[in-house]
Amino acid sequence: MQKITPFLWFDGNAEAAMNFYVGIFKQAKILSVNRYPKGSPAPEGSVMTASFELNGLKFVALNGGSMFKFSPATSFVVDCVNQAEVDYYWDKLGAGGKPNRCAWLDDKFGVTWQIVPKQLGQLLSDPDPVKAGRVMQAMMKMQKIVIADLERAALG
């Protein structure tokens, strides 16, 4: 049983966001959709909450209104094994959104994601501080992470 579940507040597009995410992640499924009943603060029959799973992690999306917005202060890290995965998730999650620096992007719903190859952590934690520093400097100039460029920076 998952003890902590990310709960995402949307302004009327929770179902569209859920369908977007489920369409991107290969191990994903819709778990449930609950609709607002008659007499509630939203139109009867519109989606109130939707729960879904991405790679084994359950999420709940709520159509709660316009009171709250997403912020990069909260983001979801997608761990990638190679450049092909980085490219895939960067392109899919970033479609209609906005790229940021250092592997971060905001999707078209305003949710922030970090698309991170495993090599980034390995290179940044190199015991040689000069090598790790070159990798950090290279990463700071990137939006999407390019593993080959990080490896070149590590070599000097």
C-alpha atoms as a PDB file:
ATOM      1  CA  MET A   1       0.000   0.000   0.000  1.00  0.00           C
ATOM      2  CA  GLN A   2       1.345   3.414  -0.987  1.00  0.00           C
ATOM      3  CA  LYS A   3       1.488   5.603   2.134  1.00  0.00           C
ATOM      4  CA  ILE A   4       1.919   8.982   0.418  1.00  0.00           C
ATOM      5  CA  THR A   5       0.053   9.994  -2.746  1.00  0.00           C
ATOM      6  CA  PRO A   6       0.747  13.125  -4.810  1.00  0.00           C
ATOM      7  CA  PHE A   7      -2.476  15.146  -4.989  1.00  0.00           C
ATOM      8  CA  LEU A   8      -2.621  17.601  -7.889  1.00  0.00           C
ATOM      9  CA  TRP A   9      -5.037  20.565  -7.987  1.00  0.00           C
ATOM     10  CA  PHE A  10      -6.260  21.512 -11.468  1.00  0.00           C
ATOM     11  CA  ASP A  11      -8.592  24.188 -12.750  1.00  0.00           C
ATOM     12  CA  GLY A  12     -11.071  22.123 -14.770  1.00  0.00           C
ATOM     13  CA  ASN A  13      -8.585  19.995 -16.708  1.00  0.00           C
ATOM     14  CA  ALA A  14      -7.769  17.160 -14.291  1.00  0.00           C
ATOM     15  CA  GLU A  15      -9.166  14.513 -16.631  1.00  0.00           C
ATOM     16  CA  ALA A  16      -7.229  15.877 -19.620  1.00  0.00           C
ATOM     17  CA  ALA A  17      -4.041  15.947 -17.536  1.00  0.00           C
ATOM     18  CA  MET A  18      -4.593  12.386 -16.340  1.00  0.00           C
ATOM     19  CA  ASN A  19      -5.158  11.170 -19.901  1.00  0.00           C
ATOM     20  CA  PHE A  20      -2.047  13.074 -21.057  1.00  0.00           C
ATOM     21  CA  TYR A  21       0.173  11.445 -18.402  1.00  0.00           C
ATOM     22  CA  VAL A  22      -1.307   7.967 -18.829  1.00  0.00           C
ATOM     23  CA  GLY A  23      -0.660   8.266 -22.570  1.00  0.00           C
ATOM     24  CA  ILE A  24       3.028   9.041 -21.997  1.00  0.00           C
ATOM     25  CA  PHE A  25       4.152   6.566 -19.360  1.00  0.00           C
ATOM     26  CA  LYS A  26       4.341   2.988 -20.594  1.00  0.00           C
ATOM     27  CA  GLN A  27       3.300   1.491 -17.268  1.00  0.00           C
ATOM     28  CA  ALA A  28       0.259   3.608 -16.542  1.00  0.00           C
ATOM     29  CA  LYS A  29      -3.423   3.157 -15.884  1.00  0.00           C
ATOM     30  CA  ILE A  30      -6.525   5.026 -14.861  1.00  0.00           C
ATOM     31  CA  LEU A  31      -7.777   3.813 -11.488  1.00  0.00           C
ATOM     32  CA  SER A  32     -10.990   5.802 -10.993  1.00  0.00           C
ATOM     33  CA  VAL A  33     -12.912   8.917 -11.970  1.00  0.00           C
ATOM     34  CA  ASN A  34     -15.362  10.552  -9.569  1.00  0.00           C
ATOM     35  CA  ARG A  35     -17.792  13.178 -10.792  1.00  0.00           C
ATOM     36  CA  TYR A  36     -19.366  16.118  -9.031  1.00  0.00           C
ATOM     37  CA  PRO A  37     -22.954  15.379  -7.976  1.00  0.00           C
ATOM     38  CA  LYS A  38     -25.921  17.709  -8.332  1.00  0.00           C
ATOM     39  CA  GLY A  39     -25.761  20.613  -5.905  1.00  0.00           C
ATOM     40  CA  SER A  40     -21.973  20.686  -5.638  1.00  0.00           C
ATOM     41  CA  PRO A  41     -19.763  23.718  -6.342  1.00  0.00           C
ATOM     42  CA  ALA A  42     -18.935  22.500  -9.878  1.00  0.00           C
ATOM     43  CA  PRO A  43     -21.173  21.495 -12.783  1.00  0.00           C
ATOM     44  CA  GLU A  44     -22.976  18.219 -12.197  1.00  0.00           C
ATOM     45  CA  GLY A  45     -21.187  15.350 -13.932  1.00  0.00           C
ATOM     46  CA  SER A  46     -17.865  17.150 -14.344  1.00  0.00           C
ATOM     47  CA  VAL A  47     -14.787  15.406 -13.001  1.00  0.00           C
ATOM     48  CA  MET A  48     -14.183  16.018  -9.313  1.00  0.00           C
ATOM     49  CA  THR A  49     -11.238  13.650  -8.767  1.00  0.00           C
ATOM     50  CA  ALA A  50      -9.407  11.177 -10.927  1.00  0.00           C
ATOM     51  CA  SER A  51      -6.863   8.678  -9.706  1.00  0.00           C
ATOM     52  CA  PHE A  52      -4.227   7.124 -11.905  1.00  0.00           C
ATOM     53  CA  GLU A  53      -0.948   5.302 -11.700  1.00  0.00           C
ATOM     54  CA  LEU A  54       2.347   6.110 -13.428  1.00  0.00           C
ATOM     55  CA  ASN A  55       5.107   3.508 -13.170  1.00  0.00           C
ATOM     56  CA  GLY A  56       3.649   2.156  -9.934  1.00  0.00           C
ATOM     57  CA  LEU A  57       3.056   5.550  -8.276  1.00  0.00           C
ATOM     58  CA  LYS A  58      -0.547   6.517  -7.593  1.00  0.00           C
ATOM     59  CA  PHE A  59      -1.636  10.141  -8.186  1.00  0.00           C
ATOM     60  CA  VAL A  60      -4.932  11.900  -7.519  1.00  0.00           C
ATOM     61  CA  ALA A  61      -6.039  14.861  -9.630  1.00  0.00           C
ATOM     62  CA  LEU A  62      -8.727  17.266  -8.425  1.00  0.00           C
ATOM     63  CA  ASN A  63     -10.670  19.862 -10.354  1.00  0.00           C
ATOM     64  CA  GLY A  64     -10.671  22.369  -7.526  1.00  0.00           C
ATOM     65  CA  GLY A  65     -10.871  25.685  -9.340  1.00  0.00           C
ATOM     66  CA  SER A  66      -8.521  28.557 -10.030  1.00  0.00           C
ATOM     67  CA  MET A  67      -7.462  29.369  -6.439  1.00  0.00           C
ATOM     68  CA  PHE A  68      -4.123  27.521  -6.621  1.00  0.00           C
ATOM     69  CA  LYS A  69      -1.450  27.153  -9.291  1.00  0.00           C
ATOM     70  CA  PHE A  70       1.457  24.780  -9.721  1.00  0.00           C
ATOM     71  CA  SER A  71       4.972  25.938  -8.935  1.00  0.00           C
ATOM     72  CA  PRO A  72       8.448  24.562  -9.694  1.00  0.00           C
ATOM     73  CA  ALA A  73       8.860  24.355  -5.913  1.00  0.00           C
ATOM     74  CA  THR A  74       7.234  20.936  -6.336  1.00  0.00           C
ATOM     75  CA  SER A  75       8.331  18.734  -9.203  1.00  0.00           C
ATOM     76  CA  PHE A  76       8.373  15.115 -10.267  1.00  0.00           C
ATOM     77  CA  VAL A  77      11.672  13.496 -11.231  1.00  0.00           C
ATOM     78  CA  VAL A  78      11.653  11.008 -14.084  1.00  0.00           C
ATOM     79  CA  ASP A  79      14.761   8.822 -13.794  1.00  0.00           C
ATOM     80  CA  CYS A  80      16.059   7.819 -17.214  1.00  0.00           C
ATOM     81  CA  VAL A  81      18.564   5.115 -18.141  1.00  0.00           C
ATOM     82  CA  ASN A  82      19.789   6.593 -21.439  1.00  0.00           C
ATOM     83  CA  GLN A  83      19.496   9.494 -23.873  1.00  0.00           C
ATOM     84  CA  ALA A  84      16.612   7.858 -25.729  1.00  0.00           C
ATOM     85  CA  GLU A  85      14.524   7.913 -22.535  1.00  0.00           C
ATOM     86  CA  VAL A  86      15.553  11.500 -21.784  1.00  0.00           C
ATOM     87  CA  ASP A  87      14.521  12.536 -25.298  1.00  0.00           C
ATOM     88  CA  TYR A  88      11.230  10.623 -25.108  1.00  0.00           C
ATOM     89  CA  TYR A  89      10.056  12.078 -21.775  1.00  0.00           C
ATOM     90  CA  TRP A  90      11.395  15.558 -22.547  1.00  0.00           C
ATOM     91  CA  ASP A  91       9.511  15.676 -25.850  1.00  0.00           C
ATOM     92  CA  LYS A  92       6.291  14.078 -24.582  1.00  0.00           C
ATOM     93  CA  LEU A  93       5.938  15.869 -21.236  1.00  0.00           C
ATOM     94  CA  GLY A  94       7.216  19.132 -22.703  1.00  0.00           C
ATOM     95  CA  ALA A  95       4.769  19.171 -25.639  1.00  0.00           C
ATOM     96  CA  GLY A  96       2.827  22.416 -25.307  1.00  0.00           C
ATOM     97  CA  GLY A  97       4.736  23.319 -22.159  1.00  0.00           C
ATOM     98  CA  LYS A  98       7.849  25.297 -21.356  1.00  0.00           C
ATOM     99  CA  PRO A  99      11.449  24.081 -20.997  1.00  0.00           C
ATOM    100  CA  ASN A 100      13.478  25.304 -18.061  1.00  0.00           C
ATOM    101  CA  ARG A 101      17.139  24.876 -17.171  1.00  0.00           C
ATOM    102  CA  CYS A 102      19.004  21.851 -15.868  1.00  0.00           C
ATOM    103  CA  ALA A 103      16.529  19.088 -16.854  1.00  0.00           C
ATOM    104  CA  TRP A 104      13.398  20.901 -15.642  1.00  0.00           C
ATOM    105  CA  LEU A 105      10.267  21.569 -17.705  1.00  0.00           C
ATOM    106  CA  ASP A 106       6.713  22.698 -17.098  1.00  0.00           C
ATOM    107  CA  ASP A 107       4.129  20.643 -18.959  1.00  0.00           C
ATOM    108  CA  LYS A 108       1.107  22.195 -20.666  1.00  0.00           C
ATOM    109  CA  PHE A 109      -0.851  21.959 -17.394  1.00  0.00           C
ATOM    110  CA  GLY A 110       1.833  23.790 -15.396  1.00  0.00           C
ATOM    111  CA  VAL A 111       3.157  20.715 -13.578  1.00  0.00           C
ATOM    112  CA  THR A 112       6.957  20.719 -13.270  1.00  0.00           C
ATOM    113  CA  TRP A 113       9.009  17.664 -14.195  1.00  0.00           C
ATOM    114  CA  GLN A 114      12.709  16.888 -14.058  1.00  0.00           C
ATOM    115  CA  ILE A 115      13.937  14.536 -16.785  1.00  0.00           C
ATOM    116  CA  VAL A 116      17.161  13.164 -15.327  1.00  0.00           C
ATOM    117  CA  PRO A 117      19.525  10.555 -16.746  1.00  0.00           C
ATOM    118  CA  LYS A 118      21.262   8.330 -14.179  1.00  0.00           C
ATOM    119  CA  GLN A 119      24.587   9.483 -15.636  1.00  0.00           C
ATOM    120  CA  LEU A 120      24.023  13.012 -14.313  1.00  0.00           C
ATOM    121  CA  GLY A 121      24.208  11.932 -10.677  1.00  0.00           C
ATOM    122  CA  GLN A 122      27.147   9.657 -11.369  1.00  0.00           C
ATOM    123  CA  LEU A 123      29.134  12.416 -13.082  1.00  0.00           C
ATOM    124  CA  LEU A 124      28.257  15.091 -10.521  1.00  0.00           C
ATOM    125  CA  SER A 125      29.410  12.839  -7.674  1.00  0.00           C
ATOM    126  CA  ASP A 126      32.784  12.081  -9.238  1.00  0.00           C
ATOM    127  CA  PRO A 127      35.482  12.066  -6.524  1.00  0.00           C
ATOM    128  CA  ASP A 128      37.523  14.499  -8.632  1.00  0.00           C
ATOM    129  CA  PRO A 129      36.018  17.914  -7.758  1.00  0.00           C
ATOM    130  CA  VAL A 130      37.429  19.525 -10.915  1.00  0.00           C
ATOM    131  CA  LYS A 131      35.764  16.915 -13.106  1.00  0.00           C
ATOM    132  CA  ALA A 132      32.464  17.203 -11.207  1.00  0.00           C
ATOM    133  CA  GLY A 133      32.703  20.989 -11.488  1.00  0.00           C
ATOM    134  CA  ARG A 134      33.055  20.823 -15.266  1.00  0.00           C
ATOM    135  CA  VAL A 135      29.967  18.611 -15.410  1.00  0.00           C
ATOM    136  CA  MET A 136      28.047  21.097 -13.232  1.00  0.00           C
ATOM    137  CA  GLN A 137      29.047  23.987 -15.491  1.00  0.00           C
ATOM    138  CA  ALA A 138      27.944  22.046 -18.585  1.00  0.00           C
ATOM    139  CA  MET A 139      24.614  21.121 -16.986  1.00  0.00           C
ATOM    140  CA  MET A 140      23.914  24.732 -15.998  1.00  0.00           C
ATOM    141  CA  LYS A 141      23.957  25.703 -19.701  1.00  0.00           C
ATOM    142  CA  MET A 142      21.473  22.992 -20.728  1.00  0.00           C
ATOM    143  CA  GLN A 143      17.740  22.749 -20.768  1.00  0.00           C
ATOM    144  CA  LYS A 144      17.316  19.113 -21.805  1.00  0.00           C
ATOM    145  CA  ILE A 145      20.232  17.062 -20.520  1.00  0.00           C
ATOM    146  CA  VAL A 146      22.512  15.677 -23.226  1.00  0.00           C
ATOM    147  CA  ILE A 147      24.514  12.835 -21.718  1.00  0.00           C
ATOM    148  CA  ALA A 148      27.274  12.928 -24.350  1.00  0.00           C
ATOM    149  CA  ASP A 149      27.889  16.624 -23.618  1.00  0.00           C
ATOM    150  CA  LEU A 150      28.149  15.897 -19.884  1.00  0.00           C
ATOM    151  CA  GLU A 151      30.609  13.067 -20.551  1.00  0.00           C
ATOM    152  CA  ARG A 152      32.717  15.349 -22.769  1.00  0.00           C
ATOM    153  CA  ALA A 153      32.742  17.982 -20.038  1.00  0.00           C
ATOM    154  CA  ALA A 154      33.858  15.376 -17.511  1.00  0.00           C
ATOM    155  CA  LEU A 155      36.808  14.455 -19.729  1.00  0.00           C
ATOM    156  CA  GLY A 156      37.778  18.104 -20.088  1.00  0.00           C
END
